[in-house]
């Protein structure tokens, strides 16, 4: 039999990276936050995460097998990552059937409708979360935990939204360590940062998107805090970086390859846009959290950013 020679455009150097390894690194980076969330909120965190992961994997397999009539793609672990991130955007005690609905929307609508991994314009986990927030607002904002802090009875974002002067009464060390209420992935800023550093070390993500998001939020909050005077100008930025889904969104969700810009310049523009939209929603919108909607909006702008931030061609 004659040997076939396949010629492909250069470059031919392969770095050894593949989707499975990248997704595996993301799962490993999320484990510290999962452990802290379980410690603070209880064993229901693991149950909710397991249901979300199982649902995403099962729905992707079924869609590939019976609707798309092609080989299953669950082996690349992207469905596992979607399941964990979806769970991290949910309250710990949310009913199991709502988790499964979110998994179906995330995989069926957010991912497979567009052709699967790499073709989706919006982050699948965020697609599932936003759908659930609209469809089940009561269950999605039920923060029933035993966290003792009085400002954490529900979440601290709504409290500070309408009374910014109370930010000086918060214990930022407790917030940094995880002693606060919120979605499962909002617990434990330190654990999320450690996960982000791991992804940077493994070169799964670059610094451009997380830093531009968080820096924009901090500068925006400092300018607003200056209007209140006193220490608020210093404490309000720290609060907005530690509370809500700022770190989870900036490190793990906005950096999704399929839905974020390809160039470093585009990444910074993208991150600044997310930071501004997040703060505008948090400070003046009807909803106290804005990270999910900001990322979703900027996902839609990504093709335009890629168009106007093309790298210069070699030799030009």
Protein backbone atom coordinates (compact mmCIF):
# COMPACT_ATOMS: atom_id res chain seq x y z
CA UNK A 1 0.00 0.00 0.00
CA UNK A 2 1.38 3.41 -0.95
CA UNK A 3 2.23 5.74 1.90
CA UNK A 4 0.06 8.83 1.94
CA UNK A 5 1.74 12.15 2.50
CA UNK A 6 -0.39 14.86 4.04
CA UNK A 7 0.94 18.40 3.74
CA UNK A 8 -0.37 21.10 6.04
CA UNK A 9 0.49 24.80 6.42
CA UNK A 10 3.25 25.68 8.88
CA UNK A 11 3.98 25.93 11.73
CA UNK A 12 4.15 22.24 12.57
CA UNK A 13 5.47 22.52 16.13
CA UNK A 14 3.05 21.00 18.68
CA UNK A 15 3.20 21.97 22.32
CA UNK A 16 1.57 18.81 23.64
CA UNK A 17 -1.59 20.59 24.76
CA UNK A 18 -5.00 19.11 24.15
CA UNK A 19 -8.53 19.83 25.26
CA UNK A 20 -8.61 17.04 27.82
CA UNK A 21 -5.46 18.28 29.57
CA UNK A 22 -6.67 21.89 29.61
CA UNK A 23 -10.09 20.95 30.99
CA UNK A 24 -8.46 18.68 33.54
CA UNK A 25 -6.34 21.59 34.76
CA UNK A 26 -9.45 23.74 35.13
CA UNK A 27 -11.13 21.04 37.23
CA UNK A 28 -8.05 20.77 39.44
CA UNK A 29 -7.96 24.56 39.83
CA UNK A 30 -11.58 24.55 41.02
CA UNK A 31 -11.04 21.89 43.70
CA UNK A 32 -9.76 24.28 46.43
CA UNK A 33 -12.86 26.46 46.05
CA UNK A 34 -15.04 23.34 46.11
CA UNK A 35 -13.40 22.23 49.36
CA UNK A 36 -13.86 25.64 51.02
CA UNK A 37 -17.46 25.87 49.85
CA UNK A 38 -18.18 22.41 51.25
CA UNK A 39 -16.63 23.35 54.59
CA UNK A 40 -18.65 26.58 54.85
CA UNK A 41 -21.99 25.55 53.33
CA UNK A 42 -22.13 21.81 54.02
CA UNK A 43 -22.29 18.51 52.14
CA UNK A 44 -25.09 19.75 49.87
CA UNK A 45 -22.34 21.48 47.87
CA UNK A 46 -20.96 18.12 46.76
CA UNK A 47 -24.43 16.78 46.00
CA UNK A 48 -25.34 19.78 43.84
CA UNK A 49 -22.00 19.64 42.03
CA UNK A 50 -22.34 15.90 41.37
CA UNK A 51 -25.84 16.36 39.94
CA UNK A 52 -24.73 19.23 37.71
CA UNK A 53 -21.70 17.32 36.38
CA UNK A 54 -23.67 14.12 35.83
CA UNK A 55 -26.44 16.05 34.09
CA UNK A 56 -24.07 17.90 31.75
CA UNK A 57 -22.17 14.73 30.84
CA UNK A 58 -25.36 12.72 30.29
CA UNK A 59 -27.06 15.38 28.16
CA UNK A 60 -23.97 15.87 25.98
CA UNK A 61 -23.70 12.11 25.41
CA UNK A 62 -27.41 11.77 24.57
CA UNK A 63 -27.36 14.73 22.19
CA UNK A 64 -24.26 13.43 20.38
CA UNK A 65 -25.61 9.89 20.22
CA UNK A 66 -29.25 10.40 19.26
CA UNK A 67 -29.61 13.91 17.82
CA UNK A 68 -26.32 14.71 16.12
CA UNK A 69 -25.58 11.06 15.28
CA UNK A 70 -21.86 11.43 15.90
CA UNK A 71 -19.23 10.16 18.30
CA UNK A 72 -19.54 11.31 21.89
CA UNK A 73 -17.36 14.22 22.99
CA UNK A 74 -17.64 13.68 26.75
CA UNK A 75 -14.07 12.39 26.83
CA UNK A 76 -12.64 15.90 26.45
CA UNK A 77 -13.95 16.79 29.97
CA UNK A 78 -15.52 20.05 28.76
CA UNK A 79 -18.94 18.88 29.96
CA UNK A 80 -17.43 18.20 33.40
CA UNK A 81 -16.06 21.75 33.55
CA UNK A 82 -19.45 23.15 32.48
CA UNK A 83 -21.15 21.13 35.22
CA UNK A 84 -18.78 22.32 37.95
CA UNK A 85 -19.02 25.97 36.86
CA UNK A 86 -22.81 25.74 36.66
CA UNK A 87 -22.92 24.32 40.19
CA UNK A 88 -20.62 27.09 41.40
CA UNK A 89 -23.21 29.62 40.21
CA UNK A 90 -26.03 28.03 42.22
CA UNK A 91 -27.09 28.15 45.87
CA UNK A 92 -26.02 25.05 47.78
CA UNK A 93 -29.52 23.91 48.70
CA UNK A 94 -31.26 24.39 45.36
CA UNK A 95 -33.62 21.52 44.35
CA UNK A 96 -32.00 18.79 42.26
CA UNK A 97 -34.46 19.04 39.40
CA UNK A 98 -33.60 22.73 38.88
CA UNK A 99 -29.94 21.73 38.64
CA UNK A 100 -30.81 19.22 35.91
CA UNK A 101 -32.81 21.82 33.99
CA UNK A 102 -29.84 24.17 34.17
CA UNK A 103 -27.57 21.39 32.91
CA UNK A 104 -29.88 20.74 29.96
CA UNK A 105 -29.98 24.42 29.03
CA UNK A 106 -26.21 24.82 29.44
CA UNK A 107 -25.35 21.84 27.25
CA UNK A 108 -28.35 21.63 24.93
CA UNK A 109 -28.80 25.33 24.20
CA UNK A 110 -25.57 26.98 25.29
CA UNK A 111 -23.19 24.48 23.70
CA UNK A 112 -24.49 21.72 21.41
CA UNK A 113 -26.99 23.89 19.52
CA UNK A 114 -24.05 25.76 18.00
CA UNK A 115 -22.08 22.63 17.16
CA UNK A 116 -20.30 21.79 20.39
CA UNK A 117 -17.05 22.86 21.99
CA UNK A 118 -15.34 25.72 20.19
CA UNK A 119 -18.44 26.81 18.30
CA UNK A 120 -20.51 28.27 21.14
CA UNK A 121 -20.62 32.09 21.24
CA UNK A 122 -21.73 32.22 24.88
CA UNK A 123 -20.35 30.52 27.96
CA UNK A 124 -22.55 27.41 28.46
CA UNK A 125 -22.51 27.54 32.27
CA UNK A 126 -23.57 31.19 32.23
CA UNK A 127 -26.31 30.37 29.74
CA UNK A 128 -27.70 27.83 32.20
CA UNK A 129 -27.35 30.18 35.16
CA UNK A 130 -29.06 33.15 33.51
CA UNK A 131 -31.92 30.92 32.34
CA UNK A 132 -32.43 29.59 35.87
CA UNK A 133 -32.23 33.08 37.35
CA UNK A 134 -35.04 34.23 35.09
CA UNK A 135 -37.14 31.06 35.37
CA UNK A 136 -36.65 30.36 39.10
CA UNK A 137 -35.69 33.65 40.78
CA UNK A 138 -36.89 32.58 44.24
CA UNK A 139 -34.90 29.34 44.35
CA UNK A 140 -31.86 31.00 42.75
CA UNK A 141 -31.72 33.64 45.50
CA UNK A 142 -32.39 31.38 48.49
CA UNK A 143 -29.21 31.67 50.56
CA UNK A 144 -30.25 29.52 53.52
CA UNK A 145 -27.05 28.74 55.42
CA UNK A 146 -25.75 28.86 58.99
CA UNK A 147 -23.17 31.59 58.41
CA UNK A 148 -23.26 33.61 61.67
CA UNK A 149 -22.49 37.07 60.30
CA UNK A 150 -25.54 39.36 60.44
CA UNK A 151 -24.74 41.00 57.12
CA UNK A 152 -24.54 37.54 55.52
CA UNK A 153 -28.07 36.41 56.32
CA UNK A 154 -28.87 36.56 52.63
CA UNK A 155 -25.88 38.01 50.81
CA UNK A 156 -23.90 41.13 51.56
CA UNK A 157 -24.14 42.56 48.05
CA UNK A 158 -27.74 43.86 48.42
CA UNK A 159 -26.92 45.38 51.81
CA UNK A 160 -23.89 47.33 50.62
CA UNK A 161 -25.65 48.26 47.37
CA UNK A 162 -28.08 50.49 49.24
CA UNK A 163 -25.91 51.31 52.28
CA UNK A 164 -22.30 51.67 51.07
CA UNK A 165 -21.26 53.25 54.36
CA UNK A 166 -21.68 49.85 56.06
CA UNK A 167 -18.73 48.49 54.12
CA UNK A 168 -16.43 49.65 56.93
CA UNK A 169 -18.14 47.17 59.30
CA UNK A 170 -17.29 44.12 57.21
CA UNK A 171 -14.59 41.66 58.19
CA UNK A 172 -12.57 41.38 55.00
CA UNK A 173 -10.39 38.61 56.39
CA UNK A 174 -13.49 36.44 56.85
CA UNK A 175 -14.62 37.26 53.32
CA UNK A 176 -11.13 36.42 52.01
CA UNK A 177 -11.14 33.09 53.82
CA UNK A 178 -14.69 32.11 52.88
CA UNK A 179 -16.89 32.97 55.85
CA UNK A 180 -19.73 34.59 53.90
CA UNK A 181 -22.86 33.62 52.05
CA UNK A 182 -23.65 33.37 48.37
CA UNK A 183 -23.42 30.95 45.47
CA UNK A 184 -21.16 27.96 45.94
CA UNK A 185 -18.41 29.46 43.80
CA UNK A 186 -18.47 32.80 45.61
CA UNK A 187 -17.14 31.25 48.81
CA UNK A 188 -13.42 31.53 49.48
CA UNK A 189 -11.58 34.25 47.58
CA UNK A 190 -8.23 32.76 48.56
CA UNK A 191 -9.13 29.37 47.08
CA UNK A 192 -10.24 30.97 43.80
CA UNK A 193 -7.02 33.00 43.60
CA UNK A 194 -4.93 29.88 44.21
CA UNK A 195 -6.82 28.16 41.41
CA UNK A 196 -6.18 31.11 39.13
CA UNK A 197 -2.46 31.08 39.92
CA UNK A 198 -2.37 27.39 39.07
CA UNK A 199 -3.98 28.07 35.68
CA UNK A 200 -1.47 30.85 35.03
CA UNK A 201 1.40 28.53 35.95
CA UNK A 202 0.05 25.87 33.62
CA UNK A 203 -0.46 28.54 30.93
CA UNK A 204 -4.10 27.61 30.56
CA UNK A 205 -5.04 31.29 30.87
CA UNK A 206 -3.13 34.56 30.61
CA UNK A 207 -3.28 37.47 33.03
CA UNK A 208 -4.89 39.93 30.61
CA UNK A 209 -8.58 39.14 31.15
CA UNK A 210 -8.64 38.58 34.96
CA UNK A 211 -6.41 41.56 35.72
CA UNK A 212 -8.25 43.95 33.39
CA UNK A 213 -11.63 42.94 34.87
CA UNK A 214 -10.58 43.21 38.51
CA UNK A 215 -8.55 46.41 38.00
CA UNK A 216 -11.47 48.08 36.20
CA UNK A 217 -13.86 47.10 38.99
CA UNK A 218 -11.47 48.38 41.66
CA UNK A 219 -10.90 51.74 39.93
CA UNK A 220 -14.62 52.16 39.27
CA UNK A 221 -15.48 51.39 42.90
CA UNK A 222 -12.77 53.75 44.17
CA UNK A 223 -14.15 56.63 42.10
CA UNK A 224 -17.66 55.97 43.43
CA UNK A 225 -16.34 55.50 46.96
CA UNK A 226 -14.64 58.90 46.78
CA UNK A 227 -18.10 60.42 46.66
CA UNK A 228 -18.86 58.98 50.10
CA UNK A 229 -15.58 60.14 51.62
CA UNK A 230 -13.71 58.58 54.51
CA UNK A 231 -12.37 55.06 54.22
CA UNK A 232 -15.06 53.97 51.74
CA UNK A 233 -12.80 54.99 48.87
CA UNK A 234 -10.35 52.30 49.98
CA UNK A 235 -12.72 49.64 51.28
CA UNK A 236 -15.39 49.68 48.55
CA UNK A 237 -13.01 48.37 45.84
CA UNK A 238 -11.86 45.52 48.10
CA UNK A 239 -15.46 44.64 48.89
CA UNK A 240 -16.49 44.42 45.24
CA UNK A 241 -13.50 42.23 44.40
CA UNK A 242 -14.22 39.77 47.23
CA UNK A 243 -18.03 39.71 47.17
CA UNK A 244 -20.25 38.00 44.65
CA UNK A 245 -18.93 36.27 41.58
CA UNK A 246 -16.13 38.71 40.71
CA UNK A 247 -13.22 36.32 41.17
CA UNK A 248 -15.05 33.27 39.85
CA UNK A 249 -16.17 35.15 36.75
CA UNK A 250 -12.87 36.92 36.08
CA UNK A 251 -10.66 33.85 36.50
CA UNK A 252 -12.73 30.88 35.38
CA UNK A 253 -15.63 32.07 33.21
CA UNK A 254 -14.55 35.14 31.28
CA UNK A 255 -11.38 33.31 30.16
CA UNK A 256 -13.27 30.62 28.25
CA UNK A 257 -11.39 30.12 24.96
CA UNK A 258 -14.48 29.89 22.76
CA UNK A 259 -16.12 33.08 23.98
CA UNK A 260 -13.20 35.45 24.68
CA UNK A 261 -10.97 37.44 22.28
CA UNK A 262 -7.87 35.88 20.75
CA UNK A 263 -5.39 38.78 21.01
CA UNK A 264 -3.96 40.35 24.17
CA UNK A 265 -5.23 43.78 23.15
CA UNK A 266 -8.68 42.35 22.57
CA UNK A 267 -8.58 40.56 25.93
CA UNK A 268 -7.90 43.83 27.75
CA UNK A 269 -10.75 45.61 25.94
CA UNK A 270 -13.00 42.66 26.73
CA UNK A 271 -11.99 42.69 30.41
CA UNK A 272 -12.47 46.44 30.80
CA UNK A 273 -15.95 46.10 29.28
CA UNK A 274 -16.87 43.33 31.71
CA UNK A 275 -15.59 45.35 34.67
CA UNK A 276 -17.53 48.48 33.73
CA UNK A 277 -20.79 46.65 33.00
CA UNK A 278 -20.50 44.67 36.24
CA UNK A 279 -20.08 47.79 38.35
CA UNK A 280 -22.85 49.69 36.57
CA UNK A 281 -25.27 46.82 37.26
CA UNK A 282 -24.09 46.39 40.84
CA UNK A 283 -24.31 50.05 41.76
CA UNK A 284 -27.31 51.29 39.78
CA UNK A 285 -29.12 48.24 38.39
CA UNK A 286 -32.06 46.41 39.90
CA UNK A 287 -29.95 43.28 40.43
CA UNK A 288 -27.16 43.41 43.05
CA UNK A 289 -24.79 41.13 41.08
CA UNK A 290 -23.69 41.87 37.54
CA UNK A 291 -20.76 39.62 36.63
CA UNK A 292 -22.80 36.95 34.80
CA UNK A 293 -24.69 39.46 32.68
CA UNK A 294 -21.51 41.44 31.96
CA UNK A 295 -19.65 38.38 30.69
CA UNK A 296 -22.69 37.30 28.65
CA UNK A 297 -22.92 40.74 27.01
CA UNK A 298 -19.20 40.88 26.24
CA UNK A 299 -19.34 37.33 24.82
CA UNK A 300 -21.63 38.81 22.17
CA UNK A 301 -19.12 41.60 21.50
CA UNK A 302 -16.15 39.21 21.16
CA UNK A 303 -16.47 38.69 17.36
CA UNK A 304 -16.41 42.46 16.88
CA UNK A 305 -13.35 42.78 19.15
CA UNK A 306 -11.59 40.03 17.20
CA UNK A 307 -12.37 41.80 13.95
CA UNK A 308 -10.80 45.10 15.01
CA UNK A 309 -7.91 43.64 17.00
CA UNK A 310 -6.38 41.43 14.37
CA UNK A 311 -2.62 40.92 14.70
CA UNK A 312 -0.43 42.40 12.00
CA UNK A 313 0.50 39.94 9.29
CA UNK A 314 4.07 38.77 9.02
CA UNK A 315 5.99 40.88 6.52
CA UNK A 316 3.49 43.77 6.61
